[in-house]
Amino acid sequence: MMFEPDKSVIKLNQKDEATASKIELIKQLIFGENIQAYESEFELLKKDILEKRRVLEGLVEEVRTELSNTIDNLSTDMNIRITELEENLEQKFENLEKDHRDTLSNVLIELGEKLAKK
């Protein structure tokens, strides 16, 4: 048995084509010759919007790159400053220890001298 296309499907397709042509006819009646101008204007607007979107996307990417570079630079600068601070604190701690050692040795010397006099 061979498959035969359903005639109702063909009729539906023809109905859709007839409906589409009727819609097209109504558009022509309502808008007349202006429809071409409207379509042209919409196409220009669409192209303009797409171009502006492309430009904006480029600007966003540029800002993203600059922001990433700024964050990297800030991170590097903070690491340098933290290292300098650590070194400064270590130096002050060493100086403090030296001052305390000197003070302790002077106190011991004075104590020794006092004991020697008695």
PDB file of N, CA and C in Angstrom:
ATOM      1  N   MET A   1       0.837  -1.168   0.000  1.00  0.00           N
ATOM      2  CA  MET A   1       0.000   0.000   0.000  1.00  0.00           C
ATOM      3  C   MET A   1       0.881   1.230   0.000  1.00  0.00           C
ATOM      4  N   MET A   2       0.611   2.116  -0.850  1.00  0.00           N
ATOM      5  CA  MET A   2       1.406   3.315  -1.023  1.00  0.00           C
ATOM      6  C   MET A   2       0.782   4.462  -0.234  1.00  0.00           C
ATOM      7  N   PHE A   3       1.607   5.287   0.385  1.00  0.00           N
ATOM      8  CA  PHE A   3       1.122   6.406   1.196  1.00  0.00           C
ATOM      9  C   PHE A   3       0.665   7.543   0.307  1.00  0.00           C
ATOM     10  N   GLU A   4      -0.527   8.020   0.574  1.00  0.00           N
ATOM     11  CA  GLU A   4      -1.050   9.152  -0.180  1.00  0.00           C
ATOM     12  C   GLU A   4      -1.186  10.330   0.760  1.00  0.00           C
ATOM     13  N   PRO A   5      -0.737  11.485   0.333  1.00  0.00           N
ATOM     14  CA  PRO A   5      -0.848  12.642   1.220  1.00  0.00           C
ATOM     15  C   PRO A   5      -2.298  12.932   1.557  1.00  0.00           C
ATOM     16  N   ASP A   6      -2.488  13.341   2.777  1.00  0.00           N
ATOM     17  CA  ASP A   6      -3.831  13.671   3.247  1.00  0.00           C
ATOM     18  C   ASP A   6      -4.267  14.967   2.596  1.00  0.00           C
ATOM     19  N   LYS A   7      -5.434  14.934   1.994  1.00  0.00           N
ATOM     20  CA  LYS A   7      -5.924  16.106   1.266  1.00  0.00           C
ATOM     21  C   LYS A   7      -6.229  17.259   2.214  1.00  0.00           C
ATOM     22  N   SER A   8      -6.547  16.965   3.491  1.00  0.00           N
ATOM     23  CA  SER A   8      -6.849  18.032   4.451  1.00  0.00           C
ATOM     24  C   SER A   8      -5.584  18.835   4.762  1.00  0.00           C
ATOM     25  N   VAL A   9      -4.432  18.182   4.760  1.00  0.00           N
ATOM     26  CA  VAL A   9      -3.164  18.889   4.987  1.00  0.00           C
ATOM     27  C   VAL A   9      -2.918  19.865   3.846  1.00  0.00           C
ATOM     28  N   ILE A  10      -3.152  19.446   2.658  1.00  0.00           N
ATOM     29  CA  ILE A  10      -2.977  20.321   1.502  1.00  0.00           C
ATOM     30  C   ILE A  10      -3.913  21.506   1.608  1.00  0.00           C
ATOM     31  N   LYS A  11      -5.142  21.253   2.009  1.00  0.00           N
ATOM     32  CA  LYS A  11      -6.108  22.335   2.130  1.00  0.00           C
ATOM     33  C   LYS A  11      -5.670  23.323   3.209  1.00  0.00           C
ATOM     34  N   LEU A  12      -5.115  22.814   4.341  1.00  0.00           N
ATOM     35  CA  LEU A  12      -4.645  23.711   5.396  1.00  0.00           C
ATOM     36  C   LEU A  12      -3.504  24.586   4.893  1.00  0.00           C
ATOM     37  N   ASN A  13      -2.587  23.992   4.152  1.00  0.00           N
ATOM     38  CA  ASN A  13      -1.475  24.771   3.607  1.00  0.00           C
ATOM     39  C   ASN A  13      -1.989  25.851   2.674  1.00  0.00           C
ATOM     40  N   GLN A  14      -2.946  25.505   1.874  1.00  0.00           N
ATOM     41  CA  GLN A  14      -3.508  26.495   0.958  1.00  0.00           C
ATOM     42  C   GLN A  14      -4.223  27.578   1.746  1.00  0.00           C
ATOM     43  N   LYS A  15      -4.883  27.196   2.836  1.00  0.00           N
ATOM     44  CA  LYS A  15      -5.592  28.162   3.671  1.00  0.00           C
ATOM     45  C   LYS A  15      -4.587  29.146   4.283  1.00  0.00           C
ATOM     46  N   ASP A  16      -3.436  28.653   4.765  1.00  0.00           N
ATOM     47  CA  ASP A  16      -2.408  29.515   5.336  1.00  0.00           C
ATOM     48  C   ASP A  16      -1.878  30.506   4.302  1.00  0.00           C
ATOM     49  N   GLU A  17      -1.662  30.026   3.104  1.00  0.00           N
ATOM     50  CA  GLU A  17      -1.178  30.911   2.036  1.00  0.00           C
ATOM     51  C   GLU A  17      -2.227  31.964   1.701  1.00  0.00           C
ATOM     52  N   ALA A  18      -3.477  31.562   1.676  1.00  0.00           N
ATOM     53  CA  ALA A  18      -4.555  32.513   1.387  1.00  0.00           C
ATOM     54  C   ALA A  18      -4.660  33.534   2.506  1.00  0.00           C
ATOM     55  N   THR A  19      -4.543  33.095   3.748  1.00  0.00           N
ATOM     56  CA  THR A  19      -4.597  34.003   4.899  1.00  0.00           C
ATOM     57  C   THR A  19      -3.431  34.980   4.849  1.00  0.00           C
ATOM     58  N   ALA A  20      -2.244  34.483   4.538  1.00  0.00           N
ATOM     59  CA  ALA A  20      -1.068  35.350   4.461  1.00  0.00           C
ATOM     60  C   ALA A  20      -1.241  36.404   3.379  1.00  0.00           C
ATOM     61  N   SER A  21      -1.768  36.014   2.235  1.00  0.00           N
ATOM     62  CA  SER A  21      -1.948  37.000   1.165  1.00  0.00           C
ATOM     63  C   SER A  21      -3.033  38.007   1.538  1.00  0.00           C
ATOM     64  N   LYS A  22      -4.056  37.563   2.275  1.00  0.00           N
ATOM     65  CA  LYS A  22      -5.093  38.494   2.732  1.00  0.00           C
ATOM     66  C   LYS A  22      -4.496  39.496   3.732  1.00  0.00           C
ATOM     67  N   ILE A  23      -3.653  39.006   4.627  1.00  0.00           N
ATOM     68  CA  ILE A  23      -2.998  39.901   5.598  1.00  0.00           C
ATOM     69  C   ILE A  23      -2.119  40.909   4.866  1.00  0.00           C
ATOM     70  N   GLU A  24      -1.422  40.437   3.873  1.00  0.00           N
ATOM     71  CA  GLU A  24      -0.563  41.328   3.082  1.00  0.00           C
ATOM     72  C   GLU A  24      -1.406  42.392   2.386  1.00  0.00           C
ATOM     73  N   LEU A  25      -2.548  41.996   1.861  1.00  0.00           N
ATOM     74  CA  LEU A  25      -3.459  42.933   1.188  1.00  0.00           C
ATOM     75  C   LEU A  25      -3.989  43.972   2.175  1.00  0.00           C
ATOM     76  N   ILE A  26      -4.344  43.529   3.389  1.00  0.00           N
ATOM     77  CA  ILE A  26      -4.834  44.459   4.421  1.00  0.00           C
ATOM     78  C   ILE A  26      -3.739  45.449   4.802  1.00  0.00           C
ATOM     79  N   LYS A  27      -2.517  44.953   4.946  1.00  0.00           N
ATOM     80  CA  LYS A  27      -1.390  45.858   5.261  1.00  0.00           C
ATOM     81  C   LYS A  27      -1.226  46.909   4.177  1.00  0.00           C
ATOM     82  N   GLN A  28      -1.335  46.494   2.940  1.00  0.00           N
ATOM     83  CA  GLN A  28      -1.211  47.444   1.828  1.00  0.00           C
ATOM     84  C   GLN A  28      -2.328  48.480   1.867  1.00  0.00           C
ATOM     85  N   LEU A  29      -3.559  48.040   2.183  1.00  0.00           N
ATOM     86  CA  LEU A  29      -4.688  48.971   2.260  1.00  0.00           C
ATOM     87  C   LEU A  29      -4.514  49.982   3.394  1.00  0.00           C
ATOM     88  N   ILE A  30      -4.064  49.502   4.557  1.00  0.00           N
ATOM     89  CA  ILE A  30      -3.923  50.386   5.723  1.00  0.00           C
ATOM     90  C   ILE A  30      -2.737  51.327   5.568  1.00  0.00           C
ATOM     91  N   PHE A  31      -1.593  50.775   5.239  1.00  0.00           N
ATOM     92  CA  PHE A  31      -0.369  51.576   5.210  1.00  0.00           C
ATOM     93  C   PHE A  31      -0.022  52.103   3.827  1.00  0.00           C
ATOM     94  N   GLY A  32      -0.516  51.449   2.814  1.00  0.00           N
ATOM     95  CA  GLY A  32      -0.256  51.897   1.447  1.00  0.00           C
ATOM     96  C   GLY A  32       1.230  51.899   1.117  1.00  0.00           C
ATOM     97  N   GLU A  33       1.661  52.957   0.463  1.00  0.00           N
ATOM     98  CA  GLU A  33       3.055  53.053   0.038  1.00  0.00           C
ATOM     99  C   GLU A  33       3.994  53.298   1.222  1.00  0.00           C
ATOM    100  N   ASN A  34       3.454  53.740   2.328  1.00  0.00           N
ATOM    101  CA  ASN A  34       4.298  54.038   3.494  1.00  0.00           C
ATOM    102  C   ASN A  34       4.930  52.792   4.106  1.00  0.00           C
ATOM    103  N   ILE A  35       4.366  51.618   3.836  1.00  0.00           N
ATOM    104  CA  ILE A  35       4.895  50.402   4.432  1.00  0.00           C
ATOM    105  C   ILE A  35       6.356  50.196   4.049  1.00  0.00           C
ATOM    106  N   GLN A  36       6.710  50.502   2.809  1.00  0.00           N
ATOM    107  CA  GLN A  36       8.102  50.360   2.377  1.00  0.00           C
ATOM    108  C   GLN A  36       8.999  51.320   3.159  1.00  0.00           C
ATOM    109  N   ALA A  37       8.513  52.543   3.342  1.00  0.00           N
ATOM    110  CA  ALA A  37       9.291  53.528   4.098  1.00  0.00           C
ATOM    111  C   ALA A  37       9.443  53.072   5.545  1.00  0.00           C
ATOM    112  N   TYR A  38       8.363  52.544   6.146  1.00  0.00           N
ATOM    113  CA  TYR A  38       8.437  52.055   7.522  1.00  0.00           C
ATOM    114  C   TYR A  38       9.430  50.907   7.646  1.00  0.00           C
ATOM    115  N   GLU A  39       9.340  49.968   6.721  1.00  0.00           N
ATOM    116  CA  GLU A  39      10.246  48.820   6.760  1.00  0.00           C
ATOM    117  C   GLU A  39      11.693  49.269   6.592  1.00  0.00           C
ATOM    118  N   SER A  40      11.922  50.213   5.702  1.00  0.00           N
ATOM    119  CA  SER A  40      13.263  50.742   5.500  1.00  0.00           C
ATOM    120  C   SER A  40      13.765  51.434   6.758  1.00  0.00           C
ATOM    121  N   GLU A  41      12.902  52.237   7.370  1.00  0.00           N
ATOM    122  CA  GLU A  41      13.269  52.959   8.605  1.00  0.00           C
ATOM    123  C   GLU A  41      13.558  51.973   9.741  1.00  0.00           C
ATOM    124  N   PHE A  42      12.731  50.937   9.862  1.00  0.00           N
ATOM    125  CA  PHE A  42      12.957  49.930  10.896  1.00  0.00           C
ATOM    126  C   PHE A  42      14.276  49.198  10.666  1.00  0.00           C
ATOM    127  N   GLU A  43      14.587  48.918   9.432  1.00  0.00           N
ATOM    128  CA  GLU A  43      15.843  48.242   9.111  1.00  0.00           C
ATOM    129  C   GLU A  43      17.034  49.123   9.477  1.00  0.00           C
ATOM    130  N   LEU A  44      16.942  50.429   9.176  1.00  0.00           N
ATOM    131  CA  LEU A  44      18.009  51.358   9.555  1.00  0.00           C
ATOM    132  C   LEU A  44      18.156  51.442  11.073  1.00  0.00           C
ATOM    133  N   LEU A  45      17.018  51.505  11.763  1.00  0.00           N
ATOM    134  CA  LEU A  45      17.060  51.534  13.228  1.00  0.00           C
ATOM    135  C   LEU A  45      17.689  50.258  13.790  1.00  0.00           C
ATOM    136  N   LYS A  46      17.332  49.134  13.215  1.00  0.00           N
ATOM    137  CA  LYS A  46      17.882  47.853  13.661  1.00  0.00           C
ATOM    138  C   LYS A  46      19.399  47.830  13.478  1.00  0.00           C
ATOM    139  N   LYS A  47      19.867  48.283  12.316  1.00  0.00           N
ATOM    140  CA  LYS A  47      21.310  48.327  12.059  1.00  0.00           C
ATOM    141  C   LYS A  47      22.007  49.282  13.016  1.00  0.00           C
ATOM    142  N   ASP A  48      21.376  50.429  13.270  1.00  0.00           N
ATOM    143  CA  ASP A  48      21.942  51.417  14.191  1.00  0.00           C
ATOM    144  C   ASP A  48      22.043  50.847  15.606  1.00  0.00           C
ATOM    145  N   ILE A  49      20.995  50.167  16.047  1.00  0.00           N
ATOM    146  CA  ILE A  49      20.991  49.565  17.378  1.00  0.00           C
ATOM    147  C   ILE A  49      22.068  48.493  17.477  1.00  0.00           C
ATOM    148  N   LEU A  50      22.184  47.662  16.455  1.00  0.00           N
ATOM    149  CA  LEU A  50      23.199  46.604  16.469  1.00  0.00           C
ATOM    150  C   LEU A  50      24.611  47.192  16.502  1.00  0.00           C
ATOM    151  N   GLU A  51      24.830  48.265  15.753  1.00  0.00           N
ATOM    152  CA  GLU A  51      26.141  48.916  15.738  1.00  0.00           C
ATOM    153  C   GLU A  51      26.452  49.520  17.110  1.00  0.00           C
ATOM    154  N   LYS A  52      25.458  50.172  17.706  1.00  0.00           N
ATOM    155  CA  LYS A  52      25.671  50.765  19.033  1.00  0.00           C
ATOM    156  C   LYS A  52      25.899  49.678  20.070  1.00  0.00           C
ATOM    157  N   ARG A  53      25.216  48.566  19.924  1.00  0.00           N
ATOM    158  CA  ARG A  53      25.427  47.447  20.845  1.00  0.00           C
ATOM    159  C   ARG A  53      26.857  46.918  20.725  1.00  0.00           C
ATOM    160  N   ARG A  54      27.337  46.816  19.483  1.00  0.00           N
ATOM    161  CA  ARG A  54      28.709  46.336  19.256  1.00  0.00           C
ATOM    162  C   ARG A  54      29.712  47.292  19.891  1.00  0.00           C
ATOM    163  N   VAL A  55      29.477  48.599  19.730  1.00  0.00           N
ATOM    164  CA  VAL A  55      30.368  49.600  20.313  1.00  0.00           C
ATOM    165  C   VAL A  55      30.341  49.508  21.835  1.00  0.00           C
ATOM    166  N   LEU A  56      29.128  49.385  22.406  1.00  0.00           N
ATOM    167  CA  LEU A  56      29.002  49.278  23.864  1.00  0.00           C
ATOM    168  C   LEU A  56      29.686  48.024  24.400  1.00  0.00           C
ATOM    169  N   GLU A  57      29.544  46.929  23.688  1.00  0.00           N
ATOM    170  CA  GLU A  57      30.210  45.699  24.120  1.00  0.00           C
ATOM    171  C   GLU A  57      31.726  45.878  24.103  1.00  0.00           C
ATOM    172  N   GLY A  58      32.234  46.589  23.100  1.00  0.00           N
ATOM    173  CA  GLY A  58      33.664  46.890  23.046  1.00  0.00           C
ATOM    174  C   GLY A  58      34.101  47.755  24.219  1.00  0.00           C
ATOM    175  N   LEU A  59      33.279  48.762  24.546  1.00  0.00           N
ATOM    176  CA  LEU A  59      33.592  49.630  25.677  1.00  0.00           C
ATOM    177  C   LEU A  59      33.554  48.863  26.996  1.00  0.00           C
ATOM    178  N   VAL A  60      32.591  47.974  27.136  1.00  0.00           N
ATOM    179  CA  VAL A  60      32.500  47.158  28.351  1.00  0.00           C
ATOM    180  C   VAL A  60      33.744  46.286  28.479  1.00  0.00           C
ATOM    181  N   GLU A  61      34.177  45.701  27.398  1.00  0.00           N
ATOM    182  CA  GLU A  61      35.375  44.858  27.427  1.00  0.00           C
ATOM    183  C   GLU A  61      36.608  45.691  27.764  1.00  0.00           C
ATOM    184  N   GLU A  62      36.676  46.897  27.223  1.00  0.00           N
ATOM    185  CA  GLU A  62      37.794  47.795  27.516  1.00  0.00           C
ATOM    186  C   GLU A  62      37.817  48.166  29.004  1.00  0.00           C
ATOM    187  N   VAL A  63      36.656  48.484  29.553  1.00  0.00           N
ATOM    188  CA  VAL A  63      36.565  48.819  30.978  1.00  0.00           C
ATOM    189  C   VAL A  63      36.930  47.601  31.827  1.00  0.00           C
ATOM    190  N   ARG A  64      36.466  46.425  31.416  1.00  0.00           N
ATOM    191  CA  ARG A  64      36.785  45.200  32.141  1.00  0.00           C
ATOM    192  C   ARG A  64      38.301  44.978  32.171  1.00  0.00           C
ATOM    193  N   THR A  65      38.958  45.190  31.055  1.00  0.00           N
ATOM    194  CA  THR A  65      40.407  45.017  30.984  1.00  0.00           C
ATOM    195  C   THR A  65      41.119  46.041  31.865  1.00  0.00           C
ATOM    196  N   GLU A  66      40.688  47.310  31.772  1.00  0.00           N
ATOM    197  CA  GLU A  66      41.299  48.350  32.598  1.00  0.00           C
ATOM    198  C   GLU A  66      41.090  48.064  34.078  1.00  0.00           C
ATOM    199  N   LEU A  67      39.910  47.631  34.443  1.00  0.00           N
ATOM    200  CA  LEU A  67      39.616  47.324  35.838  1.00  0.00           C
ATOM    201  C   LEU A  67      40.478  46.167  36.331  1.00  0.00           C
ATOM    202  N   SER A  68      40.622  45.157  35.508  1.00  0.00           N
ATOM    203  CA  SER A  68      41.458  44.007  35.868  1.00  0.00           C
ATOM    204  C   SER A  68      42.907  44.451  36.064  1.00  0.00           C
ATOM    205  N   ASN A  69      43.415  45.299  35.162  1.00  0.00           N
ATOM    206  CA  ASN A  69      44.789  45.808  35.288  1.00  0.00           C
ATOM    207  C   ASN A  69      44.939  46.652  36.547  1.00  0.00           C
ATOM    208  N   THR A  70      43.946  47.487  36.835  1.00  0.00           N
ATOM    209  CA  THR A  70      44.002  48.328  38.027  1.00  0.00           C
ATOM    210  C   THR A  70      44.015  47.477  39.291  1.00  0.00           C
ATOM    211  N   ILE A  71      43.210  46.434  39.315  1.00  0.00           N
ATOM    212  CA  ILE A  71      43.176  45.533  40.471  1.00  0.00           C
ATOM    213  C   ILE A  71      44.527  44.837  40.631  1.00  0.00           C
ATOM    214  N   ASP A  72      45.118  44.382  39.521  1.00  0.00           N
ATOM    215  CA  ASP A  72      46.434  43.744  39.579  1.00  0.00           C
ATOM    216  C   ASP A  72      47.480  44.717  40.109  1.00  0.00           C
ATOM    217  N   ASN A  73      47.450  45.963  39.616  1.00  0.00           N
ATOM    218  CA  ASN A  73      48.412  46.970  40.070  1.00  0.00           C
ATOM    219  C   ASN A  73      48.228  47.276  41.552  1.00  0.00           C
ATOM    220  N   LEU A  74      46.984  47.379  41.976  1.00  0.00           N
ATOM    221  CA  LEU A  74      46.690  47.648  43.381  1.00  0.00           C
ATOM    222  C   LEU A  74      47.171  46.500  44.260  1.00  0.00           C
ATOM    223  N   SER A  75      46.952  45.287  43.807  1.00  0.00           N
ATOM    224  CA  SER A  75      47.402  44.114  44.553  1.00  0.00           C
ATOM    225  C   SER A  75      48.927  44.118  44.687  1.00  0.00           C
ATOM    226  N   THR A  76      49.612  44.413  43.597  1.00  0.00           N
ATOM    227  CA  THR A  76      51.077  44.474  43.626  1.00  0.00           C
ATOM    228  C   THR A  76      51.542  45.571  44.572  1.00  0.00           C
ATOM    229  N   ASP A  77      50.929  46.747  44.493  1.00  0.00           N
ATOM    230  CA  ASP A  77      51.297  47.863  45.356  1.00  0.00           C
ATOM    231  C   ASP A  77      51.069  47.517  46.823  1.00  0.00           C
ATOM    232  N   MET A  78      49.948  46.872  47.127  1.00  0.00           N
ATOM    233  CA  MET A  78      49.671  46.494  48.515  1.00  0.00           C
ATOM    234  C   MET A  78      50.680  45.468  49.019  1.00  0.00           C
ATOM    235  N   ASN A  79      51.054  44.519  48.176  1.00  0.00           N
ATOM    236  CA  ASN A  79      52.050  43.524  48.586  1.00  0.00           C
ATOM    237  C   ASN A  79      53.389  44.191  48.885  1.00  0.00           C
ATOM    238  N   ILE A  80      53.761  45.167  48.060  1.00  0.00           N
ATOM    239  CA  ILE A  80      55.016  45.894  48.286  1.00  0.00           C
ATOM    240  C   ILE A  80      54.943  46.649  49.610  1.00  0.00           C
ATOM    241  N   ARG A  81      53.837  47.343  49.838  1.00  0.00           N
ATOM    242  CA  ARG A  81      53.687  48.114  51.082  1.00  0.00           C
ATOM    243  C   ARG A  81      53.664  47.207  52.307  1.00  0.00           C
ATOM    244  N   ILE A  82      53.017  46.074  52.212  1.00  0.00           N
ATOM    245  CA  ILE A  82      52.984  45.134  53.338  1.00  0.00           C
ATOM    246  C   ILE A  82      54.388  44.610  53.627  1.00  0.00           C
ATOM    247  N   THR A  83      55.122  44.291  52.580  1.00  0.00           N
ATOM    248  CA  THR A  83      56.503  43.825  52.754  1.00  0.00           C
ATOM    249  C   THR A  83      57.352  44.903  53.411  1.00  0.00           C
ATOM    250  N   GLU A  84      57.213  46.157  52.948  1.00  0.00           N
ATOM    251  CA  GLU A  84      57.962  47.261  53.557  1.00  0.00           C
ATOM    252  C   GLU A  84      57.589  47.427  55.028  1.00  0.00           C
ATOM    253  N   LEU A  85      56.312  47.312  55.342  1.00  0.00           N
ATOM    254  CA  LEU A  85      55.845  47.430  56.722  1.00  0.00           C
ATOM    255  C   LEU A  85      56.422  46.315  57.597  1.00  0.00           C
ATOM    256  N   GLU A  86      56.412  45.098  57.066  1.00  0.00           N
ATOM    257  CA  GLU A  86      56.985  43.971  57.808  1.00  0.00           C
ATOM    258  C   GLU A  86      58.465  44.195  58.088  1.00  0.00           C
ATOM    259  N   GLU A  87      59.188  44.648  57.066  1.00  0.00           N
ATOM    260  CA  GLU A  87      60.621  44.909  57.244  1.00  0.00           C
ATOM    261  C   GLU A  87      60.856  46.016  58.266  1.00  0.00           C
ATOM    262  N   ASN A  88      60.028  47.072  58.199  1.00  0.00           N
ATOM    263  CA  ASN A  88      60.143  48.179  59.140  1.00  0.00           C
ATOM    264  C   ASN A  88      59.880  47.704  60.568  1.00  0.00           C
ATOM    265  N   LEU A  89      58.837  46.880  60.759  1.00  0.00           N
ATOM    266  CA  LEU A  89      58.532  46.356  62.085  1.00  0.00           C
ATOM    267  C   LEU A  89      59.649  45.450  62.605  1.00  0.00           C
ATOM    268  N   GLU A  90      60.200  44.619  61.744  1.00  0.00           N
ATOM    269  CA  GLU A  90      61.309  43.749  62.143  1.00  0.00           C
ATOM    270  C   GLU A  90      62.515  44.576  62.579  1.00  0.00           C
ATOM    271  N   GLN A  91      62.807  45.629  61.833  1.00  0.00           N
ATOM    272  CA  GLN A  91      63.935  46.497  62.179  1.00  0.00           C
ATOM    273  C   GLN A  91      63.700  47.176  63.530  1.00  0.00           C
ATOM    274  N   LYS A  92      62.480  47.668  63.757  1.00  0.00           N
ATOM    275  CA  LYS A  92      62.163  48.315  65.032  1.00  0.00           C
ATOM    276  C   LYS A  92      62.238  47.304  66.169  1.00  0.00           C
ATOM    277  N   PHE A  93      61.788  46.094  65.943  1.00  0.00           N
ATOM    278  CA  PHE A  93      61.853  45.057  66.970  1.00  0.00           C
ATOM    279  C   PHE A  93      63.307  44.731  67.307  1.00  0.00           C
ATOM    280  N   GLU A  94      64.155  44.625  66.276  1.00  0.00           N
ATOM    281  CA  GLU A  94      65.577  44.357  66.508  1.00  0.00           C
ATOM    282  C   GLU A  94      66.216  45.506  67.287  1.00  0.00           C
ATOM    283  N   ASN A  95      65.866  46.735  66.921  1.00  0.00           N
ATOM    284  CA  ASN A  95      66.411  47.888  67.640  1.00  0.00           C
ATOM    285  C   ASN A  95      65.941  47.885  69.090  1.00  0.00           C
ATOM    286  N   LEU A  96      64.682  47.534  69.315  1.00  0.00           N
ATOM    287  CA  LEU A  96      64.132  47.483  70.658  1.00  0.00           C
ATOM    288  C   LEU A  96      64.868  46.435  71.490  1.00  0.00           C
ATOM    289  N   GLU A  97      65.108  45.264  70.892  1.00  0.00           N
ATOM    290  CA  GLU A  97      65.841  44.218  71.592  1.00  0.00           C
ATOM    291  C   GLU A  97      67.250  44.696  71.955  1.00  0.00           C
ATOM    292  N   LYS A  98      67.898  45.381  71.006  1.00  0.00           N
ATOM    293  CA  LYS A  98      69.262  45.880  71.244  1.00  0.00           C
ATOM    294  C   LYS A  98      69.255  46.895  72.374  1.00  0.00           C
ATOM    295  N   ASP A  99      68.261  47.802  72.351  1.00  0.00           N
ATOM    296  CA  ASP A  99      68.155  48.807  73.407  1.00  0.00           C
ATOM    297  C   ASP A  99      67.947  48.141  74.764  1.00  0.00           C
ATOM    298  N   HIS A 100      67.126  47.104  74.807  1.00  0.00           N
ATOM    299  CA  HIS A 100      66.882  46.395  76.071  1.00  0.00           C
ATOM    300  C   HIS A 100      68.132  45.652  76.513  1.00  0.00           C
ATOM    301  N   ARG A 101      68.860  45.068  75.584  1.00  0.00           N
ATOM    302  CA  ARG A 101      70.117  44.373  75.937  1.00  0.00           C
ATOM    303  C   ARG A 101      71.118  45.366  76.502  1.00  0.00           C
ATOM    304  N   ASP A 102      71.221  46.533  75.831  1.00  0.00           N
ATOM    305  CA  ASP A 102      72.149  47.563  76.315  1.00  0.00           C
ATOM    306  C   ASP A 102      71.744  48.042  77.706  1.00  0.00           C
ATOM    307  N   THR A 103      70.453  48.254  77.895  1.00  0.00           N
ATOM    308  CA  THR A 103      69.959  48.715  79.197  1.00  0.00           C
ATOM    309  C   THR A 103      70.230  47.661  80.263  1.00  0.00           C
ATOM    310  N   LEU A 104      69.958  46.406  79.944  1.00  0.00           N
ATOM    311  CA  LEU A 104      70.198  45.326  80.894  1.00  0.00           C
ATOM    312  C   LEU A 104      71.675  45.212  81.231  1.00  0.00           C
ATOM    313  N   SER A 105      72.534  45.301  80.230  1.00  0.00           N
ATOM    314  CA  SER A 105      73.982  45.204  80.507  1.00  0.00           C
ATOM    315  C   SER A 105      74.451  46.385  81.344  1.00  0.00           C
ATOM    316  N   ASN A 106      73.931  47.590  81.111  1.00  0.00           N
ATOM    317  CA  ASN A 106      74.313  48.757  81.925  1.00  0.00           C
ATOM    318  C   ASN A 106      73.861  48.575  83.372  1.00  0.00           C
ATOM    319  N   VAL A 107      72.645  48.069  83.581  1.00  0.00           N
ATOM    320  CA  VAL A 107      72.129  47.826  84.933  1.00  0.00           C
ATOM    321  C   VAL A 107      72.995  46.806  85.649  1.00  0.00           C
ATOM    322  N   LEU A 108      73.386  45.733  84.927  1.00  0.00           N
ATOM    323  CA  LEU A 108      74.231  44.703  85.537  1.00  0.00           C
ATOM    324  C   LEU A 108      75.615  45.252  85.886  1.00  0.00           C
ATOM    325  N   ILE A 109      76.146  46.094  85.019  1.00  0.00           N
ATOM    326  CA  ILE A 109      77.464  46.705  85.295  1.00  0.00           C
ATOM    327  C   ILE A 109      77.381  47.578  86.543  1.00  0.00           C
ATOM    328  N   GLU A 110      76.343  48.408  86.607  1.00  0.00           N
ATOM    329  CA  GLU A 110      76.153  49.270  87.774  1.00  0.00           C
ATOM    330  C   GLU A 110      75.991  48.447  89.034  1.00  0.00           C
ATOM    331  N   LEU A 111      75.224  47.372  88.958  1.00  0.00           N
ATOM    332  CA  LEU A 111      75.025  46.496  90.105  1.00  0.00           C
ATOM    333  C   LEU A 111      76.343  45.864  90.540  1.00  0.00           C
ATOM    334  N   GLY A 112      77.131  45.433  89.558  1.00  0.00           N
ATOM    335  CA  GLY A 112      78.437  44.847  89.849  1.00  0.00           C
ATOM    336  C   GLY A 112      79.373  45.847  90.511  1.00  0.00           C
ATOM    337  N   GLU A 113      79.354  47.083  90.028  1.00  0.00           N
ATOM    338  CA  GLU A 113      80.205  48.140  90.622  1.00  0.00           C
ATOM    339  C   GLU A 113      79.773  48.420  92.052  1.00  0.00           C
ATOM    340  N   LYS A 114      78.460  48.461  92.298  1.00  0.00           N
ATOM    341  CA  LYS A 114      77.967  48.719  93.641  1.00  0.00           C
ATOM    342  C   LYS A 114      78.363  47.592  94.582  1.00  0.00           C
ATOM    343  N   LEU A 115      78.297  46.369  94.079  1.00  0.00           N
ATOM    344  CA  LEU A 115      78.673  45.229  94.922  1.00  0.00           C
ATOM    345  C   LEU A 115      80.185  45.240  95.213  1.00  0.00           C
ATOM    346  N   ALA A 116      80.958  45.699  94.238  1.00  0.00           N
ATOM    347  CA  ALA A 116      82.407  45.743  94.428  1.00  0.00           C
ATOM    348  C   ALA A 116      82.793  46.776  95.455  1.00  0.00           C
ATOM    349  N   LYS A 117      82.047  47.859  95.597  1.00  0.00           N
ATOM    350  CA  LYS A 117      82.357  48.920  96.530  1.00  0.00           C
ATOM    351  C   LYS A 117      82.050  48.519  97.961  1.00  0.00           C
ATOM    352  N   LYS A 118      81.163  47.637  98.167  1.00  0.00           N
ATOM    353  CA  LYS A 118      80.781  47.250  99.522  1.00  0.00           C
ATOM    354  C   LYS A 118      81.718  46.281 100.068  1.00  0.00           C
TER     355      LYS A 118
END
